[in-house]
Amino acid sequence: MSRACFIIAGVKPTFGLRQTFILLLLLALILLPRPLAGAADLESARRFEAAGDYAAAAVSYASAAARIPWRSDLWEKAALAAWQAGEGEQAVSLFSLADAHRAISDSGWLAYGNVLAAQGDEASAVHAWEQSLQQEPSAEAGLRLAQVARKAGDFPTAIDYLRQSLALAPEMPRRITNSASCWPPPPPAKP
């Protein structure tokens, strides 16, 4: 430890190099187990995910995120694993934690919006899709926003979102015309 640390604390340095080394060793023994356990949780999460056990992966990713504070991106990984496991409410909670840690990736906003929409929270889903469109423009986010605007009867906004989507993915017209969830089916043919 430096002399400055002791002088600032108002303590006169009275121990030598050996005592300093022992103190640092004790601090390491106190502080290291938590990140080491987090690293073990992270490795377990990766194994569970590779094996297709997404529920266990979600729990392990969340545990790792709680134990390794500099890896806040793990909250999003936990949310995605929970979603793949079919745990929508847990996925929303984990995405909320990722958002609180400002750890949602650009593409994560799209997934967060999809999870929120599937859980019936369309207003929050729109916010997430708008974030996705601002941070990493994607045709899918534009298409989702166009669907919501069309459903609300706001056709000019729906058309604007569709234009953005088409600019990002020119192959989109085939997908749009084949999507029953986007547009109403054509009227039946007259005999």
Protein backbone atom coordinates (compact mmCIF):
# COMPACT_ATOMS: atom_id res chain seq x y z
CA MET A 1 0.00 0.00 0.00
CA SER A 2 1.24 3.46 -0.69
CA ARG A 3 2.10 5.93 2.03
CA ALA A 4 -0.40 8.37 0.55
CA CYS A 5 -3.32 6.03 1.32
CA PHE A 6 -2.36 5.85 4.98
CA ILE A 7 -1.67 9.56 5.28
CA ILE A 8 -5.07 10.40 3.73
CA ALA A 9 -6.77 7.98 6.12
CA GLY A 10 -4.93 9.58 9.03
CA VAL A 11 -3.08 6.38 9.90
CA LYS A 12 0.67 6.29 10.18
CA PRO A 13 2.11 3.33 8.22
CA THR A 14 3.57 0.98 10.78
CA PHE A 15 3.83 -2.30 8.93
CA GLY A 16 6.21 -3.38 6.25
CA LEU A 17 6.13 -5.20 2.98
CA ARG A 18 5.23 -8.58 4.48
CA GLN A 19 2.22 -7.23 6.35
CA THR A 20 1.09 -5.35 3.24
CA PHE A 21 1.31 -8.55 1.21
CA ILE A 22 -0.73 -10.44 3.81
CA LEU A 23 -3.35 -7.69 3.85
CA LEU A 24 -3.65 -7.77 0.05
CA LEU A 25 -3.89 -11.55 0.10
CA LEU A 26 -6.71 -11.40 2.66
CA LEU A 27 -8.54 -8.79 0.58
CA ALA A 28 -8.22 -11.02 -2.48
CA LEU A 29 -9.57 -14.00 -0.55
CA ILE A 30 -12.54 -11.93 0.56
CA LEU A 31 -13.31 -10.32 -2.81
CA LEU A 32 -12.51 -13.05 -5.36
CA PRO A 33 -14.96 -15.85 -4.53
CA ARG A 34 -17.98 -13.96 -5.86
CA PRO A 35 -16.58 -13.33 -9.39
CA LEU A 36 -15.11 -16.83 -9.46
CA ALA A 37 -18.52 -18.30 -8.65
CA GLY A 38 -19.97 -16.05 -11.34
CA ALA A 39 -17.48 -17.44 -13.85
CA ALA A 40 -18.55 -20.97 -12.90
CA ASP A 41 -22.21 -19.96 -13.36
CA LEU A 42 -21.38 -18.51 -16.76
CA GLU A 43 -19.70 -21.73 -17.85
CA SER A 44 -22.71 -23.73 -16.61
CA ALA A 45 -25.08 -21.42 -18.51
CA ARG A 46 -23.15 -21.98 -21.72
CA ARG A 47 -23.26 -25.75 -21.22
CA PHE A 48 -27.01 -25.71 -20.49
CA GLU A 49 -27.65 -23.54 -23.53
CA ALA A 50 -25.61 -25.83 -25.78
CA ALA A 51 -27.60 -28.81 -24.45
CA GLY A 52 -30.90 -27.04 -25.13
CA ASP A 53 -31.85 -26.65 -21.46
CA TYR A 54 -32.80 -22.98 -21.74
CA ALA A 55 -34.57 -22.76 -18.38
CA ALA A 56 -31.41 -23.82 -16.54
CA ALA A 57 -29.33 -21.57 -18.79
CA ALA A 58 -31.52 -18.58 -17.87
CA VAL A 59 -31.05 -19.22 -14.16
CA SER A 60 -27.28 -19.65 -14.55
CA TYR A 61 -26.91 -16.53 -16.72
CA ALA A 62 -28.89 -14.49 -14.18
CA SER A 63 -26.75 -15.83 -11.33
CA ALA A 64 -23.58 -14.99 -13.25
CA ALA A 65 -24.87 -11.48 -13.99
CA ALA A 66 -25.58 -10.90 -10.30
CA ARG A 67 -22.10 -12.09 -9.30
CA ILE A 68 -20.04 -10.43 -12.04
CA PRO A 69 -21.01 -6.76 -11.97
CA TRP A 70 -18.97 -5.81 -15.04
CA ARG A 71 -20.86 -8.36 -17.18
CA SER A 72 -24.29 -6.72 -17.20
CA ASP A 73 -24.78 -8.08 -20.75
CA LEU A 74 -25.54 -11.42 -19.09
CA TRP A 75 -28.97 -10.11 -18.01
CA GLU A 76 -29.98 -9.97 -21.67
CA LYS A 77 -28.58 -13.47 -22.28
CA ALA A 78 -30.63 -14.70 -19.32
CA ALA A 79 -33.76 -13.05 -20.74
CA LEU A 80 -33.24 -14.60 -24.17
CA ALA A 81 -32.69 -18.04 -22.63
CA ALA A 82 -35.86 -17.66 -20.52
CA TRP A 83 -37.79 -16.69 -23.65
CA GLN A 84 -36.47 -19.75 -25.49
CA ALA A 85 -37.57 -21.85 -22.53
CA GLY A 86 -41.11 -20.50 -22.91
CA GLU A 87 -40.94 -18.43 -19.72
CA GLY A 88 -42.39 -15.14 -20.96
CA GLU A 89 -42.87 -13.46 -17.59
CA GLN A 90 -39.37 -14.37 -16.46
CA ALA A 91 -37.99 -13.08 -19.78
CA VAL A 92 -39.75 -9.73 -19.27
CA SER A 93 -38.34 -9.47 -15.73
CA LEU A 94 -34.83 -10.27 -16.91
CA PHE A 95 -35.07 -7.83 -19.82
CA SER A 96 -36.21 -5.20 -17.29
CA LEU A 97 -33.06 -5.87 -15.26
CA ALA A 98 -30.97 -5.61 -18.41
CA ASP A 99 -32.66 -2.28 -19.19
CA ALA A 100 -32.02 -1.06 -15.62
CA HIS A 101 -28.32 -1.89 -16.13
CA ARG A 102 -28.44 -0.24 -19.58
CA ALA A 103 -27.28 -3.55 -21.00
CA ILE A 104 -29.72 -4.26 -23.80
CA SER A 105 -27.92 -4.61 -27.10
CA ASP A 106 -29.17 -3.04 -30.28
CA SER A 107 -30.65 -6.32 -31.48
CA GLY A 108 -31.86 -7.10 -27.96
CA TRP A 109 -34.43 -4.30 -28.16
CA LEU A 110 -36.15 -6.13 -31.02
CA ALA A 111 -36.31 -9.33 -28.97
CA TYR A 112 -37.52 -7.41 -25.91
CA GLY A 113 -40.32 -5.90 -27.98
CA ASN A 114 -41.31 -9.31 -29.30
CA VAL A 115 -41.40 -10.72 -25.75
CA LEU A 116 -43.49 -7.79 -24.50
CA ALA A 117 -45.92 -8.13 -27.40
CA ALA A 118 -46.30 -11.84 -26.77
CA GLN A 119 -47.09 -11.05 -23.13
CA GLY A 120 -49.79 -8.56 -24.22
CA ASP A 121 -47.95 -5.33 -23.36
CA GLU A 122 -48.19 -3.67 -26.76
CA ALA A 123 -47.38 -0.13 -25.56
CA SER A 124 -44.08 -1.24 -24.03
CA ALA A 125 -43.39 -3.40 -27.08
CA VAL A 126 -43.77 -0.34 -29.33
CA HIS A 127 -41.23 1.52 -27.17
CA ALA A 128 -38.77 -1.37 -27.44
CA TRP A 129 -39.23 -1.67 -31.21
CA GLU A 130 -38.72 2.07 -31.60
CA GLN A 131 -35.48 1.76 -29.60
CA SER A 132 -34.45 -1.08 -31.88
CA LEU A 133 -35.24 0.93 -34.99
CA GLN A 134 -33.25 3.92 -33.71
CA GLN A 135 -30.19 1.96 -32.57
CA GLU A 136 -29.95 -0.74 -35.21
CA PRO A 137 -32.47 -0.24 -37.98
CA SER A 138 -34.02 -3.53 -38.96
CA ALA A 139 -36.80 -4.40 -41.34
CA GLU A 140 -38.43 -6.60 -38.71
CA ALA A 141 -38.74 -3.75 -36.19
CA GLY A 142 -40.23 -1.52 -38.88
CA LEU A 143 -42.67 -4.23 -39.89
CA ARG A 144 -43.78 -4.78 -36.28
CA LEU A 145 -44.34 -1.05 -35.83
CA ALA A 146 -46.25 -0.93 -39.13
CA GLN A 147 -48.51 -3.74 -37.89
CA VAL A 148 -49.29 -1.85 -34.69
CA ALA A 149 -49.95 1.40 -36.57
CA ARG A 150 -52.21 -0.40 -39.08
CA LYS A 151 -54.13 -2.07 -36.26
CA ALA A 152 -54.63 1.37 -34.67
CA GLY A 153 -55.89 2.73 -38.00
CA ASP A 154 -52.88 5.03 -38.45
CA PHE A 155 -52.23 4.14 -42.09
CA PRO A 156 -49.81 7.00 -42.93
CA THR A 157 -47.52 5.93 -40.06
CA ALA A 158 -47.86 2.29 -41.09
CA ILE A 159 -46.84 3.21 -44.63
CA ASP A 160 -43.83 5.17 -43.33
CA TYR A 161 -42.66 2.19 -41.29
CA LEU A 162 -43.18 -0.11 -44.27
CA ARG A 163 -41.11 2.20 -46.46
CA GLN A 164 -38.30 2.11 -43.89
CA SER A 165 -38.52 -1.67 -43.81
CA LEU A 166 -38.44 -1.91 -47.59
CA ALA A 167 -35.39 0.34 -47.74
CA LEU A 168 -33.60 -1.94 -45.27
CA ALA A 169 -34.72 -5.24 -46.82
CA PRO A 170 -35.81 -5.11 -50.45
CA GLU A 171 -36.95 -8.75 -50.25
CA MET A 172 -39.58 -7.69 -47.71
CA PRO A 173 -42.58 -7.43 -50.14
CA ARG A 174 -42.76 -11.21 -50.44
CA ARG A 175 -42.72 -11.53 -46.67
CA ILE A 176 -45.34 -8.81 -46.21
CA THR A 177 -47.75 -10.22 -48.77
CA ASN A 178 -47.39 -13.71 -47.31
CA SER A 179 -47.98 -12.50 -43.76
CA ALA A 180 -51.58 -12.96 -42.67
CA SER A 181 -50.81 -11.17 -39.41
CA CYS A 182 -49.80 -7.97 -41.20
CA TRP A 183 -52.61 -7.34 -43.67
CA PRO A 184 -56.17 -8.63 -43.86
CA PRO A 185 -56.68 -11.43 -46.35
CA PRO A 186 -57.92 -10.42 -49.81
CA PRO A 187 -61.68 -10.49 -50.30
CA PRO A 188 -63.08 -13.74 -51.64
CA ALA A 189 -63.31 -13.97 -55.42
CA LYS A 190 -66.74 -13.18 -56.85
CA PRO A 191 -68.38 -16.00 -58.79
